[in-house]
Amino acid sequence: MIGIDVIKTSRMNRLIKRFGEKGLHRFLSEDEMLLVKSYKTAAGFWATKEAFSKALGVGIGSDCSFFDIKIYKSKKGAPLLSLSKSIIEKFQILDVSLSITHDGEYAISVVHIKSLSSTDKIKQF
C-alpha cells in the first residue's frame, strides 16, 4: 500500500506563527519536536503522517491518529517510522518505508506499507 502527501510549507509556517509550539503539539510527539529544525521540517512531518494514513486507506481520524505514527532518524539522518502497537496489530503491518523531500515551497512524503491484509490487491475480471 502506498500513500503520498504534499503540503505547501508556508501553510506550516503560518500555523507556527499563529499557535507556536502548541500548534506543533497537535500532531507531533515530544521526541519529534526535538527533530524539527524549521517550519519546512515540520511540514515534511505533517505530510508523512498524512501519507501514512492514506496508505492505510483510512486517513487521519478514529482509525489512525497523528500519535499512532512517530518519526525518528537513523544514525545517518534518514527519516524512519515507528508505529503504535494497536496500528501494527489492527492493520497487520509487517514493514514500512518512508521518503520525504522538499522542493521550493513544498514538502512531499511517500510511504509504503507492507501488510498481511493488503487492501490494494489486483482484482480479476
Protein backbone atom coordinates (compact mmCIF):
# COMPACT_ATOMS: atom_id res chain seq x y z
CA MET A 1 0.00 0.00 0.00
CA ILE A 2 1.35 3.42 -0.95
CA GLY A 3 0.39 6.86 0.31
CA ILE A 4 1.61 10.29 -0.75
CA ASP A 5 1.01 13.77 0.57
CA VAL A 6 2.17 17.25 -0.36
CA ILE A 7 1.92 20.42 1.71
CA LYS A 8 2.86 23.99 0.91
CA THR A 9 5.48 24.83 3.54
CA SER A 10 4.08 28.33 4.04
CA ARG A 11 0.95 26.71 5.46
CA MET A 12 3.05 25.20 8.26
CA ASN A 13 4.86 28.50 8.74
CA ARG A 14 1.51 30.23 9.30
CA LEU A 15 0.45 27.55 11.79
CA ILE A 16 3.65 28.02 13.80
CA LYS A 17 3.41 31.82 13.73
CA ARG A 18 -0.21 31.69 14.89
CA PHE A 19 -0.01 28.94 17.53
CA GLY A 20 3.71 28.49 18.23
CA GLU A 21 4.80 25.14 19.67
CA LYS A 22 1.22 24.48 20.73
CA GLY A 23 0.33 24.13 17.05
CA LEU A 24 3.05 21.54 16.53
CA HIS A 25 1.93 19.57 19.59
CA ARG A 26 -1.34 18.92 17.76
CA PHE A 27 0.43 16.37 15.58
CA LEU A 28 3.97 15.82 16.93
CA SER A 29 5.30 13.98 19.98
CA GLU A 30 7.94 15.49 22.27
CA ASP A 31 10.67 13.42 20.59
CA GLU A 32 9.54 14.57 17.15
CA MET A 33 9.53 18.19 18.33
CA LEU A 34 13.26 17.85 19.06
CA LEU A 35 13.86 16.92 15.40
CA VAL A 36 12.03 19.94 13.98
CA LYS A 37 14.62 22.49 12.87
CA SER A 38 12.30 24.70 10.81
CA TYR A 39 8.77 25.04 9.52
CA LYS A 40 9.89 23.10 6.45
CA THR A 41 10.86 20.10 8.59
CA ALA A 42 7.51 20.31 10.38
CA ALA A 43 5.73 20.39 7.01
CA GLY A 44 7.57 17.22 5.95
CA PHE A 45 6.49 15.51 9.16
CA TRP A 46 2.86 16.55 8.60
CA ALA A 47 3.00 15.20 5.04
CA THR A 48 4.49 11.93 6.32
CA LYS A 49 1.71 11.31 8.81
CA GLU A 50 -0.92 12.14 6.20
CA ALA A 51 0.79 9.88 3.61
CA PHE A 52 0.94 7.01 6.11
CA SER A 53 -2.76 7.28 6.94
CA LYS A 54 -3.60 7.43 3.23
CA ALA A 55 -1.55 4.29 2.61
CA LEU A 56 -3.70 2.57 5.23
CA GLY A 57 -6.76 3.76 3.34
CA VAL A 58 -8.31 5.46 6.37
CA GLY A 59 -6.85 8.97 6.63
CA ILE A 60 -6.22 10.68 9.95
CA GLY A 61 -9.16 10.06 12.25
CA SER A 62 -10.55 7.44 14.61
CA ASP A 63 -8.76 4.51 12.92
CA CYS A 64 -5.35 6.24 12.85
CA SER A 65 -4.35 9.34 14.79
CA PHE A 66 -1.31 11.54 14.37
CA PHE A 67 0.05 9.97 17.56
CA ASP A 68 -0.11 6.40 16.23
CA ILE A 69 2.76 7.43 13.93
CA LYS A 70 6.15 8.65 15.16
CA ILE A 71 9.04 9.86 13.04
CA TYR A 72 12.62 9.36 14.14
CA LYS A 73 16.00 9.49 12.42
CA SER A 74 18.56 6.80 11.62
CA LYS A 75 22.17 7.31 12.68
CA LYS A 76 22.80 8.75 9.22
CA GLY A 77 19.82 11.12 9.48
CA ALA A 78 17.32 9.27 7.29
CA PRO A 79 13.69 9.58 8.43
CA LEU A 80 12.12 6.39 9.78
CA LEU A 81 8.73 5.49 11.25
CA SER A 82 7.68 3.80 14.44
CA LEU A 83 4.06 2.81 14.95
CA SER A 84 1.74 2.18 17.87
CA LYS A 85 1.14 -1.44 18.76
CA SER A 86 -2.57 -1.01 18.02
CA ILE A 87 -1.92 0.20 14.45
CA ILE A 88 0.55 -2.62 13.77
CA GLU A 89 -1.92 -5.22 15.00
CA LYS A 90 -5.09 -3.70 13.52
CA PHE A 91 -3.62 -3.40 10.01
CA GLN A 92 -1.22 -6.37 10.28
CA ILE A 93 1.76 -4.22 9.30
CA LEU A 94 4.98 -6.05 8.54
CA ASP A 95 7.19 -3.21 7.31
CA VAL A 96 7.07 0.44 6.33
CA SER A 97 9.26 2.63 4.10
CA LEU A 98 9.39 6.41 4.02
CA SER A 99 10.77 9.16 1.81
CA ILE A 100 10.46 12.90 2.48
CA THR A 101 11.58 15.60 0.06
CA HIS A 102 11.40 19.37 -0.07
CA ASP A 103 11.34 21.43 -3.23
CA GLY A 104 10.86 25.17 -3.10
CA GLU A 105 7.62 25.88 -1.27
CA TYR A 106 6.57 22.23 -0.95
CA ALA A 107 7.22 19.24 1.27
CA ILE A 108 6.31 15.84 -0.12
CA SER A 109 6.24 12.46 1.58
CA VAL A 110 5.73 8.96 0.23
CA VAL A 111 5.04 5.98 2.49
CA HIS A 112 4.95 2.31 1.51
CA ILE A 113 3.36 -0.21 3.87
CA LYS A 114 3.82 -3.96 3.62
CA SER A 115 0.91 -5.71 5.31
CA LEU A 116 -0.63 -9.15 5.62
CA SER A 117 -4.04 -7.66 4.88
CA SER A 118 -3.32 -5.53 1.85
CA THR A 119 -6.41 -3.78 0.52
CA ASP A 120 -4.85 -2.91 -2.82
CA LYS A 121 -4.67 -6.38 -4.33
CA ILE A 122 -5.30 -6.72 -8.05
CA LYS A 123 -8.88 -7.61 -8.92
CA GLN A 124 -9.55 -10.07 -11.70
CA PHE A 125 -12.19 -9.61 -14.37
